């Protein structure tokens, strides 16, 4: 038996705001979009590197205000990239913790993406 990586479903309320945040700001690409018909809610898959998310306007999908834990390598490079975008709704910083570093950003719908870089074994950060 093999278990594949989980794909979180993120509740969104506006396709326009979701694109601005996930594609323009965070740098995701849209893999596909689905609607059951005209004037139906959007269900889409976005991807950046190995991170895949499903974005859903469907009322019963997911709970707004959720948090996704995202392991990352070179969190400082991610921080520089996001700062350079000058996104007016989020100015995330990097927080140093005893076990590593965290950069948390909230989307326009109250969901949080918590990017985390674990400290290397045997390395102590001050």
N, C-alpha and C. Protein backbone atom coordinates (compact mmCIF):
# COMPACT_ATOMS: atom_id res chain seq x y z
N UNK A 1 0.85 -1.18 0.00
CA UNK A 1 0.00 0.00 0.00
C UNK A 1 0.89 1.25 0.00
N UNK A 2 0.44 2.27 -0.70
CA UNK A 2 1.17 3.55 -0.77
C UNK A 2 0.19 4.68 -0.52
N UNK A 3 0.53 5.58 0.36
CA UNK A 3 -0.27 6.78 0.59
C UNK A 3 0.41 7.95 -0.09
N UNK A 4 -0.34 8.67 -0.89
CA UNK A 4 0.17 9.85 -1.58
C UNK A 4 0.04 11.06 -0.66
N UNK A 5 0.74 12.14 -0.97
CA UNK A 5 0.60 13.36 -0.16
C UNK A 5 -0.85 13.85 -0.17
N UNK A 6 -1.27 14.38 0.96
CA UNK A 6 -2.62 14.95 1.07
C UNK A 6 -2.72 16.22 0.24
N UNK A 7 -3.92 16.51 -0.24
CA UNK A 7 -4.18 17.74 -0.99
C UNK A 7 -5.23 18.53 -0.20
N UNK A 8 -4.81 19.56 0.53
CA UNK A 8 -5.78 20.35 1.30
C UNK A 8 -6.77 21.07 0.39
N UNK A 9 -8.01 21.16 0.85
CA UNK A 9 -9.04 21.94 0.17
C UNK A 9 -9.19 23.24 0.95
N UNK A 10 -9.03 24.35 0.25
CA UNK A 10 -9.11 25.69 0.85
C UNK A 10 -10.40 26.35 0.39
N UNK A 11 -11.19 26.82 1.34
CA UNK A 11 -12.45 27.50 1.02
C UNK A 11 -12.14 28.92 0.59
N UNK A 12 -12.65 29.30 -0.58
CA UNK A 12 -12.50 30.67 -1.09
C UNK A 12 -13.88 31.25 -1.37
N UNK A 13 -13.96 32.56 -1.46
CA UNK A 13 -15.24 33.23 -1.71
C UNK A 13 -15.22 34.10 -2.95
N UNK A 14 -14.04 34.27 -3.55
CA UNK A 14 -13.90 35.13 -4.72
C UNK A 14 -12.77 34.60 -5.59
N UNK A 15 -13.10 34.25 -6.82
CA UNK A 15 -12.08 33.77 -7.75
C UNK A 15 -11.02 34.85 -7.98
N UNK A 16 -11.44 36.09 -8.13
CA UNK A 16 -10.51 37.19 -8.39
C UNK A 16 -9.51 37.37 -7.25
N UNK A 17 -10.01 37.40 -6.01
CA UNK A 17 -9.12 37.56 -4.86
C UNK A 17 -8.22 36.34 -4.67
N UNK A 18 -8.75 35.15 -4.96
CA UNK A 18 -7.94 33.93 -4.84
C UNK A 18 -6.80 33.95 -5.85
N UNK A 19 -7.07 34.35 -7.08
CA UNK A 19 -6.01 34.44 -8.10
C UNK A 19 -4.95 35.47 -7.70
N UNK A 20 -5.42 36.62 -7.23
CA UNK A 20 -4.48 37.66 -6.82
C UNK A 20 -3.55 37.16 -5.72
N UNK A 21 -4.09 36.41 -4.77
CA UNK A 21 -3.29 35.92 -3.64
C UNK A 21 -2.44 34.70 -4.01
N UNK A 22 -3.10 33.65 -4.49
CA UNK A 22 -2.39 32.38 -4.70
C UNK A 22 -1.50 32.39 -5.95
N UNK A 23 -1.94 33.03 -7.01
CA UNK A 23 -1.16 33.03 -8.26
C UNK A 23 -0.21 34.23 -8.30
N UNK A 24 -0.75 35.43 -8.18
CA UNK A 24 0.08 36.63 -8.33
C UNK A 24 1.05 36.84 -7.16
N UNK A 25 0.58 36.63 -5.93
CA UNK A 25 1.42 36.87 -4.76
C UNK A 25 2.28 35.66 -4.39
N UNK A 26 1.65 34.50 -4.20
CA UNK A 26 2.41 33.33 -3.74
C UNK A 26 3.10 32.56 -4.87
N UNK A 27 2.74 32.83 -6.11
CA UNK A 27 3.45 32.21 -7.23
C UNK A 27 2.99 30.82 -7.62
N UNK A 28 1.76 30.46 -7.27
CA UNK A 28 1.21 29.18 -7.70
C UNK A 28 0.80 29.25 -9.16
N UNK A 29 0.75 28.10 -9.82
CA UNK A 29 0.20 27.98 -11.17
C UNK A 29 -1.13 27.25 -11.08
N UNK A 30 -2.07 27.62 -11.94
CA UNK A 30 -3.36 26.93 -11.99
C UNK A 30 -3.21 25.70 -12.88
N UNK A 31 -3.42 24.50 -12.30
CA UNK A 31 -3.36 23.25 -13.07
C UNK A 31 -4.65 23.03 -13.85
N UNK A 32 -5.78 23.24 -13.18
CA UNK A 32 -7.07 23.07 -13.83
C UNK A 32 -8.16 23.76 -13.01
N UNK A 33 -9.28 24.01 -13.68
CA UNK A 33 -10.46 24.61 -13.06
C UNK A 33 -11.68 23.82 -13.47
N UNK A 34 -12.68 23.77 -12.59
CA UNK A 34 -13.91 23.05 -12.91
C UNK A 34 -15.11 23.82 -12.36
N UNK A 35 -16.13 23.88 -13.16
CA UNK A 35 -17.46 24.38 -12.76
C UNK A 35 -18.47 23.41 -13.34
N UNK A 36 -19.51 23.11 -12.60
CA UNK A 36 -20.53 22.17 -13.08
C UNK A 36 -21.43 22.79 -14.14
N UNK A 37 -21.37 24.09 -14.31
CA UNK A 37 -22.17 24.79 -15.31
C UNK A 37 -21.97 26.28 -15.18
N UNK A 38 -22.68 27.03 -16.02
CA UNK A 38 -22.61 28.49 -15.94
C UNK A 38 -23.10 28.96 -14.58
N UNK A 39 -22.44 29.95 -14.03
CA UNK A 39 -22.82 30.55 -12.76
C UNK A 39 -22.77 29.54 -11.60
N UNK A 40 -21.84 28.57 -11.68
CA UNK A 40 -21.63 27.61 -10.60
C UNK A 40 -20.32 27.93 -9.90
N UNK A 41 -20.14 27.46 -8.67
CA UNK A 41 -18.91 27.73 -7.93
C UNK A 41 -17.68 27.12 -8.60
N UNK A 42 -16.55 27.75 -8.38
CA UNK A 42 -15.27 27.29 -8.90
C UNK A 42 -14.68 26.22 -7.99
N UNK A 43 -14.07 25.21 -8.61
CA UNK A 43 -13.21 24.25 -7.91
C UNK A 43 -11.96 24.15 -8.77
N UNK A 44 -10.80 24.45 -8.19
CA UNK A 44 -9.57 24.52 -8.99
C UNK A 44 -8.40 23.90 -8.24
N UNK A 45 -7.41 23.48 -9.01
CA UNK A 45 -6.16 22.99 -8.42
C UNK A 45 -5.04 23.95 -8.77
N UNK A 46 -4.28 24.35 -7.74
CA UNK A 46 -3.10 25.18 -7.94
C UNK A 46 -1.88 24.43 -7.40
N UNK A 47 -0.72 24.77 -7.97
CA UNK A 47 0.52 24.06 -7.60
C UNK A 47 1.69 25.03 -7.61
N UNK A 48 2.55 24.83 -6.64
CA UNK A 48 3.86 25.48 -6.65
C UNK A 48 4.85 24.44 -6.14
N UNK A 49 5.78 24.08 -6.99
CA UNK A 49 6.75 23.04 -6.66
C UNK A 49 5.97 21.76 -6.33
N UNK A 50 6.20 21.16 -5.16
CA UNK A 50 5.48 19.94 -4.79
C UNK A 50 4.21 20.21 -4.00
N UNK A 51 3.91 21.47 -3.72
CA UNK A 51 2.72 21.80 -2.94
C UNK A 51 1.52 21.95 -3.86
N UNK A 52 0.49 21.14 -3.63
CA UNK A 52 -0.74 21.17 -4.42
C UNK A 52 -1.89 21.52 -3.47
N UNK A 53 -2.71 22.48 -3.88
CA UNK A 53 -3.89 22.89 -3.12
C UNK A 53 -5.11 22.86 -4.02
N UNK A 54 -6.25 22.55 -3.43
CA UNK A 54 -7.53 22.69 -4.13
C UNK A 54 -8.23 23.91 -3.54
N UNK A 55 -8.71 24.78 -4.41
CA UNK A 55 -9.44 25.98 -4.01
C UNK A 55 -10.89 25.78 -4.38
N UNK A 56 -11.78 25.99 -3.42
CA UNK A 56 -13.19 25.69 -3.67
C UNK A 56 -14.11 26.82 -3.21
N UNK A 57 -15.02 27.21 -4.11
CA UNK A 57 -16.08 28.16 -3.74
C UNK A 57 -17.32 27.43 -3.24
N UNK A 58 -17.30 26.10 -3.25
CA UNK A 58 -18.47 25.31 -2.82
C UNK A 58 -18.70 25.47 -1.32
N UNK A 59 -19.94 25.74 -0.95
CA UNK A 59 -20.31 26.02 0.43
C UNK A 59 -19.90 24.91 1.40
N UNK A 60 -20.06 23.66 1.03
CA UNK A 60 -19.78 22.56 1.95
C UNK A 60 -18.33 22.13 2.01
N UNK A 61 -17.47 22.69 1.19
CA UNK A 61 -16.06 22.28 1.16
C UNK A 61 -15.23 23.10 2.14
N UNK A 62 -14.56 22.42 3.03
CA UNK A 62 -13.59 23.02 3.94
C UNK A 62 -14.21 24.05 4.88
N UNK A 63 -13.41 24.48 5.82
CA UNK A 63 -13.83 25.45 6.81
C UNK A 63 -12.95 26.68 6.70
N UNK A 64 -13.53 27.84 6.47
CA UNK A 64 -12.71 29.06 6.42
C UNK A 64 -11.97 29.24 7.75
N UNK A 65 -10.78 29.78 7.68
CA UNK A 65 -10.00 30.01 8.89
C UNK A 65 -9.09 28.84 9.24
N UNK A 66 -8.88 27.94 8.31
CA UNK A 66 -8.00 26.79 8.55
C UNK A 66 -6.53 27.18 8.37
N UNK A 67 -5.63 26.34 8.88
CA UNK A 67 -4.19 26.55 8.73
C UNK A 67 -3.58 25.35 8.04
N UNK A 68 -2.68 25.62 7.09
CA UNK A 68 -1.94 24.57 6.40
C UNK A 68 -0.47 24.71 6.79
N UNK A 69 0.13 23.63 7.25
CA UNK A 69 1.55 23.59 7.61
C UNK A 69 2.32 23.17 6.37
N UNK A 70 3.25 24.01 5.90
CA UNK A 70 3.98 23.75 4.66
C UNK A 70 5.49 23.72 4.94
N UNK A 71 6.11 22.54 4.92
CA UNK A 71 7.56 22.48 5.05
C UNK A 71 8.21 23.14 3.83
N UNK A 72 9.29 23.89 4.07
CA UNK A 72 9.95 24.62 2.98
C UNK A 72 11.46 24.62 3.22
N UNK A 73 12.21 24.63 2.13
CA UNK A 73 13.66 24.83 2.21
C UNK A 73 13.96 26.25 1.75
N UNK A 74 14.81 26.94 2.46
CA UNK A 74 15.21 28.32 2.18
C UNK A 74 14.05 29.30 2.35
N UNK A 75 13.55 29.33 3.56
CA UNK A 75 12.43 30.22 3.89
C UNK A 75 12.81 31.69 3.71
N UNK A 76 14.09 32.00 3.88
CA UNK A 76 14.52 33.40 3.69
C UNK A 76 14.37 33.83 2.24
N UNK A 77 14.63 32.92 1.30
CA UNK A 77 14.43 33.23 -0.13
C UNK A 77 12.95 33.46 -0.42
N UNK A 78 12.08 32.64 0.19
CA UNK A 78 10.63 32.84 0.02
C UNK A 78 10.23 34.21 0.57
N UNK A 79 10.76 34.56 1.72
CA UNK A 79 10.45 35.86 2.33
C UNK A 79 10.86 37.01 1.41
N UNK A 80 12.07 36.94 0.86
CA UNK A 80 12.54 38.00 -0.05
C UNK A 80 11.64 38.09 -1.29
N UNK A 81 11.27 36.93 -1.82
CA UNK A 81 10.40 36.91 -3.00
C UNK A 81 9.05 37.57 -2.71
N UNK A 82 8.45 37.23 -1.58
CA UNK A 82 7.14 37.81 -1.25
C UNK A 82 7.24 39.29 -0.96
N UNK A 83 8.29 39.72 -0.27
CA UNK A 83 8.47 41.14 0.01
C UNK A 83 8.63 41.94 -1.27
N UNK A 84 9.29 41.38 -2.26
CA UNK A 84 9.52 42.08 -3.53
C UNK A 84 8.25 42.27 -4.34
N UNK A 85 7.20 41.53 -4.02
CA UNK A 85 5.95 41.64 -4.77
C UNK A 85 5.11 42.84 -4.33
N UNK A 86 5.39 43.40 -3.16
CA UNK A 86 4.67 44.58 -2.65
C UNK A 86 3.15 44.36 -2.63
N UNK A 87 2.74 43.18 -2.20
CA UNK A 87 1.31 42.86 -2.05
C UNK A 87 0.77 43.67 -0.88
N UNK A 88 -0.21 44.52 -1.13
CA UNK A 88 -0.62 45.46 -0.09
C UNK A 88 -1.42 44.85 1.05
N UNK A 89 -1.88 43.61 0.91
CA UNK A 89 -2.71 43.00 1.95
C UNK A 89 -1.94 42.08 2.88
N UNK A 90 -0.65 41.85 2.64
CA UNK A 90 0.14 40.98 3.52
C UNK A 90 1.61 41.38 3.44
N UNK A 91 2.20 41.53 4.59
CA UNK A 91 3.63 41.83 4.71
C UNK A 91 4.23 40.82 5.69
N UNK A 92 4.34 39.55 5.29
CA UNK A 92 4.78 38.53 6.23
C UNK A 92 6.24 38.68 6.62
N UNK A 93 6.52 38.30 7.85
CA UNK A 93 7.89 38.28 8.35
C UNK A 93 8.29 36.85 8.69
N UNK A 94 9.55 36.66 8.96
CA UNK A 94 10.07 35.35 9.36
C UNK A 94 10.30 35.38 10.86
N UNK A 95 9.75 34.38 11.55
CA UNK A 95 9.92 34.26 12.99
C UNK A 95 10.88 33.10 13.28
N UNK A 96 11.93 33.38 14.04
CA UNK A 96 12.87 32.34 14.45
C UNK A 96 12.36 31.68 15.72
N UNK A 97 12.29 30.35 15.70
CA UNK A 97 11.84 29.57 16.85
C UNK A 97 12.94 28.58 17.21
N UNK A 98 12.88 27.96 18.38
CA UNK A 98 13.94 27.02 18.77
C UNK A 98 14.14 25.87 17.78
N UNK A 99 13.12 25.48 17.07
CA UNK A 99 13.20 24.34 16.15
C UNK A 99 13.39 24.74 14.69
N UNK A 100 13.31 26.04 14.38
CA UNK A 100 13.46 26.47 12.99
C UNK A 100 12.88 27.86 12.76
N UNK A 101 12.40 28.09 11.54
CA UNK A 101 11.83 29.39 11.17
C UNK A 101 10.43 29.21 10.60
N UNK A 102 9.59 30.24 10.80
CA UNK A 102 8.20 30.22 10.33
C UNK A 102 7.89 31.53 9.62
N UNK A 103 7.19 31.42 8.50
CA UNK A 103 6.63 32.56 7.79
C UNK A 103 5.15 32.23 7.59
N UNK A 104 4.28 33.02 8.20
CA UNK A 104 2.84 32.74 8.10
C UNK A 104 2.16 33.88 7.36
N UNK A 105 1.26 33.51 6.47
CA UNK A 105 0.52 34.49 5.69
C UNK A 105 -0.94 34.05 5.62
N UNK A 106 -1.84 35.02 5.76
CA UNK A 106 -3.28 34.73 5.70
C UNK A 106 -3.82 35.13 4.34
N UNK A 107 -4.66 34.27 3.77
CA UNK A 107 -5.29 34.60 2.49
C UNK A 107 -6.48 35.53 2.73
N UNK A 108 -7.12 36.05 1.69
CA UNK A 108 -8.23 36.98 1.86
C UNK A 108 -9.47 36.35 2.51
N UNK A 109 -9.45 35.03 2.73
CA UNK A 109 -10.62 34.33 3.25
C UNK A 109 -10.40 33.82 4.68
N UNK A 110 -9.28 34.24 5.29
CA UNK A 110 -9.00 33.88 6.67
C UNK A 110 -8.22 32.59 6.85
N UNK A 111 -7.85 31.93 5.76
CA UNK A 111 -7.03 30.73 5.85
C UNK A 111 -5.56 31.13 5.99
N UNK A 112 -4.80 30.34 6.74
CA UNK A 112 -3.39 30.65 6.95
C UNK A 112 -2.50 29.57 6.34
N UNK A 113 -1.45 30.01 5.67
CA UNK A 113 -0.41 29.11 5.19
C UNK A 113 0.81 29.36 6.07
N UNK A 114 1.22 28.33 6.79
CA UNK A 114 2.34 28.44 7.72
C UNK A 114 3.54 27.71 7.10
N UNK A 115 4.41 28.49 6.46
CA UNK A 115 5.61 27.95 5.84
C UNK A 115 6.66 27.77 6.93
N UNK A 116 7.24 26.57 7.03
CA UNK A 116 8.16 26.25 8.12
C UNK A 116 9.43 25.60 7.58
N UNK A 117 10.55 26.07 8.09
CA UNK A 117 11.84 25.46 7.76
C UNK A 117 12.44 24.94 9.06
N UNK A 118 12.61 23.63 9.15
CA UNK A 118 13.16 23.02 10.35
C UNK A 118 14.65 23.30 10.44
N UNK A 119 15.10 23.46 11.66
CA UNK A 119 16.52 23.66 11.92
C UNK A 119 17.26 22.37 11.58
N UNK A 120 18.42 22.51 10.98
CA UNK A 120 19.23 21.34 10.66
C UNK A 120 19.70 20.67 11.94
N UNK A 121 19.77 19.35 11.92
CA UNK A 121 20.26 18.60 13.09
C UNK A 121 21.67 19.05 13.43
N UNK A 122 21.92 19.30 14.70
CA UNK A 122 23.26 19.66 15.14
C UNK A 122 23.61 21.13 14.97
N UNK A 123 22.68 21.92 14.42
CA UNK A 123 22.94 23.35 14.22
C UNK A 123 22.11 24.13 15.23
N UNK A 124 22.74 25.03 15.93
CA UNK A 124 22.03 25.85 16.90
C UNK A 124 21.95 27.27 16.38
N UNK A 125 20.75 27.83 16.37
CA UNK A 125 20.56 29.22 15.96
C UNK A 125 20.38 30.08 17.19
N UNK A 126 20.96 31.24 17.17
CA UNK A 126 20.85 32.17 18.30
C UNK A 126 19.73 33.13 18.07
